[in-house]
Structures are given as C-alpha cells and as structure tokens.
C-alpha cells in the first residue's frame, strides 16, 4: 500500500474551505459516537444516499459528511488534507468547494448507475467520491509534481517493511485509479466481497479529471480567440501609425484595453499625445512607468523615461525613481545615461537614504568602464562618510581587491 506524505507545493493562503470540511466531517463523526446504535442507523438511512431514491434526493450531498468507522473518516480526511490544500490554493475557495461537492455528487450517481439492483437499498456514505475527484483534479494541475510516499509491504508472511519512494503525481494517482477500477469490476457487484463503493471512487475521479481538462481547454480556446483579433488590431494600428494617422492608431489601441502588452505601450502613449488626447497619454504613461517600476523591468523603465522626455513629462519624482532608473540603464550597459540619471538624483536629493546607493552604483559603473581611479574616489567617499553600511562594506571589498 502506498501512502503519500509530502509534496513540495508552495501554499501562501490559508486553506479555509479544506479546514472547514475536515472539521465538519470529524465533528459529525465523533458526535454520532455518542448516539445510540439505533439512532446512528436511522441517520445513515435518512441522510445516506440510497440509489433507489433517484438522483434528485438531498442525500446526494448529505452522505458526503457521514462515515461508518474511524479508519474511514481519518483516511478520507487525510487525503482531503493532502490533495485538497494545493487545489484550494490553485483554484480559490469557491471553485474548490464547487469541485469537491460536484465530484461527490457525480460519484454517487455513477455508483447508483453501475451497482446492481441488489444494492439499491443499501445507503452509500462517505466523502470518498469527492476526494477521488480531487485526486483526479490534482493529476491534471500537478502531473509532474513529486510525491514522497510510504510503501507498506510484506516480504514474507509476518514480516513488514516500510520503504519511502518518490513518484510523479500522475503515476501515483494512475496506480491508485487502476486499483479502484479493478476492485469496482471484481468486488462491487456483491456486498459479500466489500462494503466499499468503488464505483463512487471511479465516478468522482473521472468527473474531476474531465472538469479540470475542460476548464484548461476552455481557457486556451478563449485565449486563442482573443489573440487573433488582438494581432490583427495591432497590425492595423501599426499601419495607421506608419502614415501618421495617430488618431486612428490611438482609437484602435484603445479597444484592446487591458490586453495592451509591454511592446505596445509606447505606441499607445505616443499616439494619444499626437492625436490630442494628452490626458489619456499622461495617465497611460504614468501607468506604464508604475508597472515597469513594480515589475523591475529595465527595458520598460528606460522606454518610459525616453517617452517622458520626448513628450515633456516628468516621471522621476522620488530618489527611489532615480535609483531604479539609473540601475536599469546600467543593467542594459548604457553607462552614459545611467551615470547621468544617478548624478541628477544625488544632486536633487543629496540627503536621502538612497544617496549612498546611488554613489555606490556610480562607483561600480566606473569600475566596470575601466575608470578605476574615479571609481576609487567614490568608494573611498562611501567608506569615509557612510561607515558600517552595506554599501560601505561593498566599497571596502572593491578597494581591497582591485585598487
């Protein structure tokens, strides 16, 4: 038997839905332990899913929160915790909950359709169908993720051995599904062989896979359909720009709204100004600059700066702006503009906390340019006037190694 116990998927949000589902299932199970056996059996009959009741019964949902034994509920909740948390992170709370419940319903329906009539009056309980659907969804969204698993097997009768193995998610889930499907074919026809609703596992699993594959394909189709008109519009806009028809260029690009990409922003800004829509041009320029600044995109920051210069707009309003833009020029190996921007920043904000960083960037750029004597002056100035700081320590390193 294989039991997964570790997966390397970053979780940044609290999986509230998972915790609520686990807590609710455990609460109901342990609360029912305090009830007389007859009362428990009555609850199973009233809220468990009976195939003979049809597919419009509320028990398609309520049976997902009932379990028959401690091993049943603990096993299901463990797998809900293991596979559910990454999926809730990926899908979001509402979509995850809808997937969980719909897989459970689908599992119940397949169980009713595939099971013989002799089982139609036996209540089906447990969240296994829903959790099987989550496993199917996991194999779609995270097929190559490695699962660290514990293999519990016997070598000789009476001797057991624990072995850890690493398996891709698609392999682990695939092996699990084959086992469930074979059991559904062999054991499910008669309650004498098993009391496990294997067809519910199979149905929930296949439903989870189909829903997720359909969702991914739908996104791809929508994206493709959006890209085709977008490409045509950009081509049309470029053609109008080529002939100086800035008004029409601006109008076409405006229809793209949030689908304007990095390489189109400059043309959109320029056409806005040249077509008389200065307010739109200024707003778009500021947005372009802030976006580039936030994403630390050197090329976009440089483009935004040159546009602002050409259009007479000021986008450098803080010492952080000067430092970021200067670094962007230096990353692109444009030392002349990089040094120019950094010196302007120091001139305008001589007492800012960014000043030593701008001084260091200048010294480092001069060092790269081969101007070692000039670089030495900047590094010595940093060591003398900003002792103990990180930039002073970096300056000391260069002074000790190259000068």
Protein backbone atom coordinates (compact mmCIF):
# COMPACT_ATOMS: atom_id res chain seq x y z
CA UNK A 1 0.00 0.00 0.00
CA UNK A 2 1.28 3.47 -0.93
CA UNK A 3 0.57 6.46 1.28
CA UNK A 4 1.73 9.94 0.15
CA UNK A 5 3.12 12.06 2.97
CA UNK A 6 4.95 15.01 1.40
CA UNK A 7 4.63 17.25 -1.66
CA UNK A 8 6.62 20.41 -2.49
CA UNK A 9 3.92 22.91 -3.48
CA UNK A 10 4.10 26.43 -2.07
CA UNK A 11 0.99 27.36 -0.04
CA UNK A 12 0.54 31.09 0.52
CA UNK A 13 -3.12 31.30 1.54
CA UNK A 14 -4.90 29.73 4.49
CA UNK A 15 -6.93 26.75 3.11
CA UNK A 16 -10.12 27.74 4.95
CA UNK A 17 -12.50 25.53 2.93
CA UNK A 18 -10.33 22.46 3.46
CA UNK A 19 -10.14 23.06 7.20
CA UNK A 20 -13.90 23.63 7.44
CA UNK A 21 -14.68 20.44 5.50
CA UNK A 22 -12.27 18.40 7.61
CA UNK A 23 -13.58 19.90 10.84
CA UNK A 24 -17.22 19.36 9.86
CA UNK A 25 -16.66 15.71 8.90
CA UNK A 26 -14.76 14.95 12.10
CA UNK A 27 -17.31 16.79 14.24
CA UNK A 28 -20.24 14.87 12.75
CA UNK A 29 -18.47 11.52 13.08
CA UNK A 30 -17.43 11.94 16.72
CA UNK A 31 -20.78 13.50 17.67
CA UNK A 32 -22.55 10.42 16.28
CA UNK A 33 -20.47 8.15 18.52
CA UNK A 34 -22.45 9.47 21.49
CA UNK A 35 -25.74 8.41 19.91
CA UNK A 36 -27.38 5.01 20.47
CA UNK A 37 -26.69 2.48 17.67
CA UNK A 38 -30.33 2.55 16.54
CA UNK A 39 -30.23 6.35 16.17
CA UNK A 40 -26.99 6.15 14.15
CA UNK A 41 -28.53 3.59 11.81
CA UNK A 42 -31.56 5.84 11.36
CA UNK A 43 -29.32 8.78 10.42
CA UNK A 44 -27.43 6.63 7.91
CA UNK A 45 -30.73 5.59 6.31
CA UNK A 46 -32.15 9.13 6.28
CA UNK A 47 -29.06 11.04 5.14
CA UNK A 48 -27.07 8.35 3.34
CA UNK A 49 -27.57 8.07 -0.41
CA UNK A 50 -29.91 5.29 -1.50
CA UNK A 51 -29.75 4.58 -5.26
CA UNK A 52 -33.43 3.61 -5.23
CA UNK A 53 -34.37 7.17 -4.22
CA UNK A 54 -33.18 8.59 -7.54
CA UNK A 55 -30.90 11.50 -8.41
CA UNK A 56 -32.97 14.41 -7.08
CA UNK A 57 -32.51 13.49 -3.44
CA UNK A 58 -30.77 15.80 -0.95
CA UNK A 59 -28.80 12.75 0.17
CA UNK A 60 -26.53 13.19 -2.88
CA UNK A 61 -24.88 15.87 -0.74
CA UNK A 62 -25.59 14.88 2.86
CA UNK A 63 -23.99 11.45 2.50
CA UNK A 64 -20.64 13.15 1.85
CA UNK A 65 -20.49 14.12 5.55
CA UNK A 66 -21.24 10.70 7.04
CA UNK A 67 -18.66 8.00 7.76
CA UNK A 68 -19.00 4.48 9.09
CA UNK A 69 -15.76 3.98 11.00
CA UNK A 70 -12.77 5.80 12.45
CA UNK A 71 -10.47 4.42 9.74
CA UNK A 72 -12.98 5.56 7.09
CA UNK A 73 -13.14 9.17 8.29
CA UNK A 74 -9.43 9.50 9.17
CA UNK A 75 -8.36 8.07 5.81
CA UNK A 76 -10.68 10.36 3.86
CA UNK A 77 -9.74 13.46 5.82
CA UNK A 78 -6.04 12.73 5.41
CA UNK A 79 -6.38 12.54 1.63
CA UNK A 80 -8.61 15.64 1.65
CA UNK A 81 -5.88 17.49 3.56
CA UNK A 82 -3.06 16.19 1.34
CA UNK A 83 -4.63 16.79 -2.09
CA UNK A 84 -7.18 19.45 -1.18
CA UNK A 85 -4.89 22.17 0.19
CA UNK A 86 -2.81 22.59 -3.03
CA UNK A 87 -6.00 22.54 -5.11
CA UNK A 88 -7.69 25.20 -2.97
CA UNK A 89 -4.56 27.33 -3.41
CA UNK A 90 -4.74 26.83 -7.19
CA UNK A 91 -8.50 27.17 -7.73
CA UNK A 92 -9.61 29.53 -4.98
CA UNK A 93 -12.15 28.85 -2.25
CA UNK A 94 -15.42 28.93 -4.21
CA UNK A 95 -14.24 26.91 -7.22
CA UNK A 96 -12.57 24.38 -4.94
CA UNK A 97 -15.74 23.88 -2.89
CA UNK A 98 -17.86 23.52 -6.03
CA UNK A 99 -15.40 20.97 -7.43
CA UNK A 100 -15.44 18.98 -4.19
CA UNK A 101 -19.24 18.84 -3.93
CA UNK A 102 -19.83 18.17 -7.64
CA UNK A 103 -17.31 15.31 -7.64
CA UNK A 104 -19.09 13.82 -4.66
CA UNK A 105 -22.46 14.05 -6.43
CA UNK A 106 -21.01 12.58 -9.63
CA UNK A 107 -19.51 9.71 -7.65
CA UNK A 108 -22.90 8.94 -6.08
CA UNK A 109 -24.61 8.96 -9.48
CA UNK A 110 -22.05 6.61 -11.05
CA UNK A 111 -22.33 4.35 -8.00
CA UNK A 112 -26.10 4.16 -8.48
CA UNK A 113 -25.84 3.53 -12.22
CA UNK A 114 -23.10 0.91 -12.04
CA UNK A 115 -24.17 -1.02 -8.96
CA UNK A 116 -26.63 -3.95 -9.22
CA UNK A 117 -30.22 -3.52 -8.03
CA UNK A 118 -29.47 -5.73 -5.04
CA UNK A 119 -27.51 -2.79 -3.57
CA UNK A 120 -30.13 -0.12 -4.27
CA UNK A 121 -31.49 -0.18 -0.70
CA UNK A 122 -28.08 -0.01 0.99
CA UNK A 123 -27.09 3.56 1.98
CA UNK A 124 -23.87 4.89 0.46
CA UNK A 125 -21.94 7.15 2.87
CA UNK A 126 -18.57 8.90 2.88
CA UNK A 127 -16.61 11.63 1.13
CA UNK A 128 -14.56 9.17 -0.93
CA UNK A 129 -16.19 10.11 -4.25
CA UNK A 130 -15.49 13.80 -3.68
CA UNK A 131 -11.91 13.16 -2.59
CA UNK A 132 -11.35 10.84 -5.57
CA UNK A 133 -12.40 13.76 -7.77
CA UNK A 134 -9.82 15.96 -6.05
CA UNK A 135 -7.16 13.35 -6.81
CA UNK A 136 -8.20 13.40 -10.45
CA UNK A 137 -8.02 17.20 -10.49
CA UNK A 138 -4.60 17.08 -8.79
CA UNK A 139 -3.25 14.81 -11.55
CA UNK A 140 -4.39 17.39 -14.14
CA UNK A 141 -2.99 20.51 -12.45
CA UNK A 142 0.15 18.98 -10.90
CA UNK A 143 1.03 15.90 -13.02
CA UNK A 144 4.82 16.18 -12.69
CA UNK A 145 4.98 17.15 -9.02
CA UNK A 146 6.89 14.57 -6.98
CA UNK A 147 5.03 12.85 -4.16
CA UNK A 148 7.07 11.30 -1.40
CA UNK A 149 5.25 8.13 -0.44
CA UNK A 150 5.47 5.47 2.24
CA UNK A 151 5.20 1.96 0.87
CA UNK A 152 3.94 -0.58 3.37
CA UNK A 153 4.50 -4.12 2.12
CA UNK A 154 5.30 -7.60 3.32
CA UNK A 155 8.29 -9.62 2.11
CA UNK A 156 7.42 -12.82 3.97
CA UNK A 157 4.35 -13.64 5.96
CA UNK A 158 4.55 -11.88 9.30
CA UNK A 159 7.38 -9.55 8.23
CA UNK A 160 6.56 -5.97 7.23
CA UNK A 161 8.82 -3.36 5.78
CA UNK A 162 8.43 0.40 5.36
CA UNK A 163 10.05 1.96 2.29
CA UNK A 164 9.93 5.55 1.06
CA UNK A 165 9.55 6.09 -2.67
CA UNK A 166 9.26 9.18 -4.85
CA UNK A 167 6.64 9.13 -7.60
CA UNK A 168 5.30 11.76 -10.02
CA UNK A 169 1.73 12.65 -9.08
CA UNK A 170 0.40 11.26 -12.36
CA UNK A 171 1.99 7.87 -11.64
CA UNK A 172 0.75 7.64 -8.05
CA UNK A 173 -2.78 8.71 -8.95
CA UNK A 174 -2.77 6.44 -12.01
CA UNK A 175 -1.81 3.39 -9.92
CA UNK A 176 -4.46 4.30 -7.35
CA UNK A 177 -7.15 4.59 -10.04
CA UNK A 178 -6.26 1.23 -11.64
CA UNK A 179 -6.63 -0.40 -8.21
CA UNK A 180 -10.03 1.27 -7.66
CA UNK A 181 -11.29 0.35 -11.13
CA UNK A 182 -10.28 -3.32 -10.83
CA UNK A 183 -11.95 -3.54 -7.44
CA UNK A 184 -15.07 -1.94 -8.86
CA UNK A 185 -15.20 -4.63 -11.55
CA UNK A 186 -14.43 -7.58 -9.26
CA UNK A 187 -15.69 -6.75 -5.77
CA UNK A 188 -18.51 -4.21 -6.12
CA UNK A 189 -21.25 -6.46 -7.57
CA UNK A 190 -21.86 -8.07 -4.18
CA UNK A 191 -21.72 -6.70 -0.61
CA UNK A 192 -20.34 -10.09 0.43
CA UNK A 193 -16.98 -9.12 -1.06
CA UNK A 194 -16.73 -5.49 0.06
CA UNK A 195 -18.64 -2.64 1.68
CA UNK A 196 -16.62 -0.03 -0.26
CA UNK A 197 -18.41 1.93 -3.01
CA UNK A 198 -15.62 1.62 -5.58
CA UNK A 199 -17.79 2.90 -8.42
CA UNK A 200 -18.24 6.15 -6.47
CA UNK A 201 -14.44 6.44 -6.39
CA UNK A 202 -14.22 5.79 -10.13
CA UNK A 203 -17.06 8.21 -10.96
CA UNK A 204 -15.77 11.04 -8.78
CA UNK A 205 -12.25 10.60 -10.14
CA UNK A 206 -13.28 10.68 -13.81
CA UNK A 207 -15.59 13.64 -13.23
CA UNK A 208 -12.79 15.61 -11.52
CA UNK A 209 -10.40 14.92 -14.41
CA UNK A 210 -12.97 15.83 -17.08
CA UNK A 211 -13.99 19.10 -15.40
CA UNK A 212 -10.39 20.26 -14.99
CA UNK A 213 -9.33 19.28 -18.51
CA UNK A 214 -12.40 21.06 -19.91
CA UNK A 215 -11.59 24.16 -17.84
CA UNK A 216 -7.99 24.27 -19.08
CA UNK A 217 -9.04 23.73 -22.70
CA UNK A 218 -11.66 26.44 -22.39
CA UNK A 219 -9.05 28.91 -21.16
CA UNK A 220 -6.75 28.01 -24.04
CA UNK A 221 -9.56 28.44 -26.58
CA UNK A 222 -10.63 31.80 -25.16
CA UNK A 223 -7.01 32.99 -25.06
CA UNK A 224 -6.51 31.88 -28.67
CA UNK A 225 -9.70 33.62 -29.81
CA UNK A 226 -8.60 36.81 -28.04
CA UNK A 227 -5.09 36.73 -29.50
CA UNK A 228 -6.22 36.54 -33.14
CA UNK A 229 -8.21 39.82 -33.17
CA UNK A 230 -5.56 41.40 -30.96
CA UNK A 231 -2.84 40.63 -33.53
CA UNK A 232 -4.98 41.98 -36.36
CA UNK A 233 -5.70 45.19 -34.46
CA UNK A 234 -2.05 45.75 -33.63
CA UNK A 235 -1.13 45.27 -37.28
CA UNK A 236 -3.83 47.73 -38.29
CA UNK A 237 -2.66 50.24 -35.69
CA UNK A 238 0.94 49.98 -36.87
CA UNK A 239 -0.16 50.55 -40.43
CA UNK A 240 -2.00 53.75 -39.48
CA UNK A 241 0.97 54.92 -37.39
CA UNK A 242 3.24 54.41 -40.39
CA UNK A 243 1.21 57.00 -42.31
CA UNK A 244 0.95 59.41 -39.38
CA UNK A 245 -2.73 58.73 -38.68
CA UNK A 246 -2.28 58.97 -34.91
CA UNK A 247 -5.93 59.48 -34.07
CA UNK A 248 -6.95 56.21 -35.70
CA UNK A 249 -3.92 54.46 -34.18
CA UNK A 250 -4.99 55.59 -30.71
CA UNK A 251 -8.61 54.55 -31.30
CA UNK A 252 -7.63 51.04 -32.37
CA UNK A 253 -5.24 50.50 -29.46
CA UNK A 254 -7.85 51.82 -27.01
CA UNK A 255 -10.10 48.90 -27.92
CA UNK A 256 -7.51 46.45 -26.60
CA UNK A 257 -7.92 47.82 -23.05
CA UNK A 258 -6.05 45.61 -20.55
CA UNK A 259 -4.61 43.41 -23.32
CA UNK A 260 -2.03 46.03 -24.28
CA UNK A 261 1.39 44.39 -23.94
CA UNK A 262 4.74 45.88 -22.98
CA UNK A 263 5.83 46.44 -26.57
CA UNK A 264 2.60 48.29 -27.49
CA UNK A 265 2.52 50.75 -24.55
CA UNK A 266 4.98 53.24 -26.14
CA UNK A 267 2.95 53.42 -29.38
CA UNK A 268 -0.29 53.84 -27.43
CA UNK A 269 1.17 56.65 -25.33
CA UNK A 270 2.72 58.40 -28.34
CA UNK A 271 -0.46 58.16 -30.45
CA UNK A 272 -2.51 59.51 -27.54
CA UNK A 273 -0.38 62.64 -27.27
CA UNK A 274 -0.10 63.18 -31.02
CA UNK A 275 -3.86 62.78 -31.54
CA UNK A 276 -4.64 65.47 -28.95
CA UNK A 277 -5.60 63.13 -26.11
CA UNK A 278 -2.97 64.42 -23.69
CA UNK A 279 -4.84 63.39 -20.55
CA UNK A 280 -5.12 59.81 -21.76
CA UNK A 281 -1.46 59.87 -22.79
CA UNK A 282 -0.31 61.16 -19.38
CA UNK A 283 -2.40 58.61 -17.49
CA UNK A 284 -1.12 55.76 -19.66
CA UNK A 285 2.49 56.97 -19.34
CA UNK A 286 2.23 57.06 -15.54
CA UNK A 287 0.62 53.62 -15.53
CA UNK A 288 3.36 52.28 -17.81
CA UNK A 289 6.07 53.71 -15.55
CA UNK A 290 4.50 52.37 -12.35
CA UNK A 291 4.01 48.95 -13.91
CA UNK A 292 7.62 48.82 -15.11
CA UNK A 293 8.84 50.09 -11.71
CA UNK A 294 6.83 47.49 -9.79
CA UNK A 295 7.96 44.65 -12.04
CA UNK A 296 11.58 45.91 -12.05
CA UNK A 297 11.61 45.72 -15.84
CA UNK A 298 14.73 47.63 -17.04
CA UNK A 299 13.71 47.89 -20.71
CA UNK A 300 10.23 49.18 -19.94
CA UNK A 301 11.55 51.70 -17.40
CA UNK A 302 14.02 53.05 -19.94
CA UNK A 303 11.32 53.23 -22.62
CA UNK A 304 9.00 55.09 -20.27
CA UNK A 305 11.78 57.56 -19.44
CA UNK A 306 12.61 58.35 -23.07
CA UNK A 307 8.89 58.77 -23.83
CA UNK A 308 8.52 61.19 -20.93
CA UNK A 309 11.50 63.20 -22.17
CA UNK A 310 10.17 63.35 -25.72
CA UNK A 311 6.72 64.43 -24.53
CA UNK A 312 7.93 66.87 -21.89
CA UNK A 313 6.51 64.93 -18.94
CA UNK A 314 8.22 64.34 -15.60
CA UNK A 315 8.03 60.81 -14.19
CA UNK A 316 11.07 60.91 -11.87
CA UNK A 317 9.59 62.29 -8.68
CA UNK A 318 11.41 60.48 -5.86
CA UNK A 319 15.00 59.43 -5.11
CA UNK A 320 13.79 55.82 -5.48
CA UNK A 321 12.78 56.63 -9.07
CA UNK A 322 16.24 57.98 -9.90
CA UNK A 323 17.96 54.98 -8.28
CA UNK A 324 15.77 52.41 -10.06
CA UNK A 325 16.06 54.09 -13.45
CA UNK A 326 19.82 54.53 -13.07
CA UNK A 327 20.20 50.85 -12.23
CA UNK A 328 18.03 49.95 -15.23
CA UNK A 329 20.31 51.85 -17.60
CA UNK A 330 23.37 50.21 -16.05
CA UNK A 331 21.84 46.72 -16.36
CA UNK A 332 21.37 47.43 -20.06
CA UNK A 333 25.03 48.57 -20.19
CA UNK A 334 24.07 52.16 -21.05
CA UNK A 335 26.64 53.72 -18.73
CA UNK A 336 26.31 57.28 -20.05
CA UNK A 337 22.60 57.61 -19.27
CA UNK A 338 22.94 55.53 -16.12
CA UNK A 339 25.56 57.85 -14.66
CA UNK A 340 23.61 60.91 -15.80
CA UNK A 341 20.42 59.80 -14.03
CA UNK A 342 22.22 58.80 -10.83
CA UNK A 343 24.11 62.12 -10.65
CA UNK A 344 20.85 64.02 -11.16
CA UNK A 345 19.29 62.01 -8.33
CA UNK A 346 22.17 62.82 -5.98
CA UNK A 347 22.00 66.50 -6.99
CA UNK A 348 18.27 66.74 -6.25
CA UNK A 349 18.22 64.53 -3.14
CA UNK A 350 21.67 64.81 -1.50
CA UNK A 351 20.42 63.81 1.95
CA UNK A 352 18.12 60.93 1.02
CA UNK A 353 18.66 57.37 2.22
CA UNK A 354 19.09 56.34 -1.43
CA UNK A 355 22.09 58.68 -1.92
CA UNK A 356 24.78 56.20 -0.74
CA UNK A 357 23.30 53.54 -3.01
CA UNK A 358 23.43 55.94 -5.97
CA UNK A 359 27.04 56.79 -5.11
CA UNK A 360 27.92 53.09 -4.99
CA UNK A 361 26.21 52.41 -8.34
CA UNK A 362 28.26 55.22 -9.90
CA UNK A 363 31.49 53.84 -8.45
CA UNK A 364 30.66 50.32 -9.58
CA UNK A 365 29.78 51.54 -13.10
CA UNK A 366 33.06 53.45 -13.34
CA UNK A 367 34.91 50.32 -12.22
CA UNK A 368 33.20 48.31 -14.99
CA UNK A 369 34.12 51.03 -17.50
CA UNK A 370 37.78 50.76 -16.52
CA UNK A 371 37.85 54.19 -14.82
CA UNK A 372 39.47 52.76 -11.71
CA UNK A 373 40.84 55.99 -10.26
CA UNK A 374 37.45 57.69 -10.45
CA UNK A 375 35.75 54.60 -9.04
CA UNK A 376 38.27 54.58 -6.19
CA UNK A 377 37.30 58.14 -5.23
CA UNK A 378 33.62 57.20 -4.94
CA UNK A 379 34.35 54.06 -2.93
CA UNK A 380 36.66 55.95 -0.54
CA UNK A 381 33.98 58.62 -0.11
CA UNK A 382 31.43 55.94 0.83
CA UNK A 383 33.76 54.28 3.35
CA UNK A 384 34.52 57.63 4.97
CA UNK A 385 31.02 59.15 5.06
CA UNK A 386 28.79 56.07 5.44
CA UNK A 387 30.81 53.75 7.74
CA UNK A 388 29.22 50.43 8.69
CA UNK A 389 26.60 50.47 5.95
CA UNK A 390 26.23 47.66 3.41
CA UNK A 391 27.37 49.89 0.55
CA UNK A 392 30.44 50.96 2.54
CA UNK A 393 31.33 47.31 3.14
CA UNK A 394 30.91 46.56 -0.56
CA UNK A 395 33.12 49.55 -1.36
CA UNK A 396 35.76 48.28 1.09
CA UNK A 397 35.70 44.93 -0.69
CA UNK A 398 36.47 46.52 -4.06
CA UNK A 399 39.10 48.81 -2.57
CA UNK A 400 40.84 45.77 -1.07
CA UNK A 401 40.64 43.56 -4.14
CA UNK A 402 41.15 45.79 -7.18
CA UNK A 403 42.84 49.01 -6.03
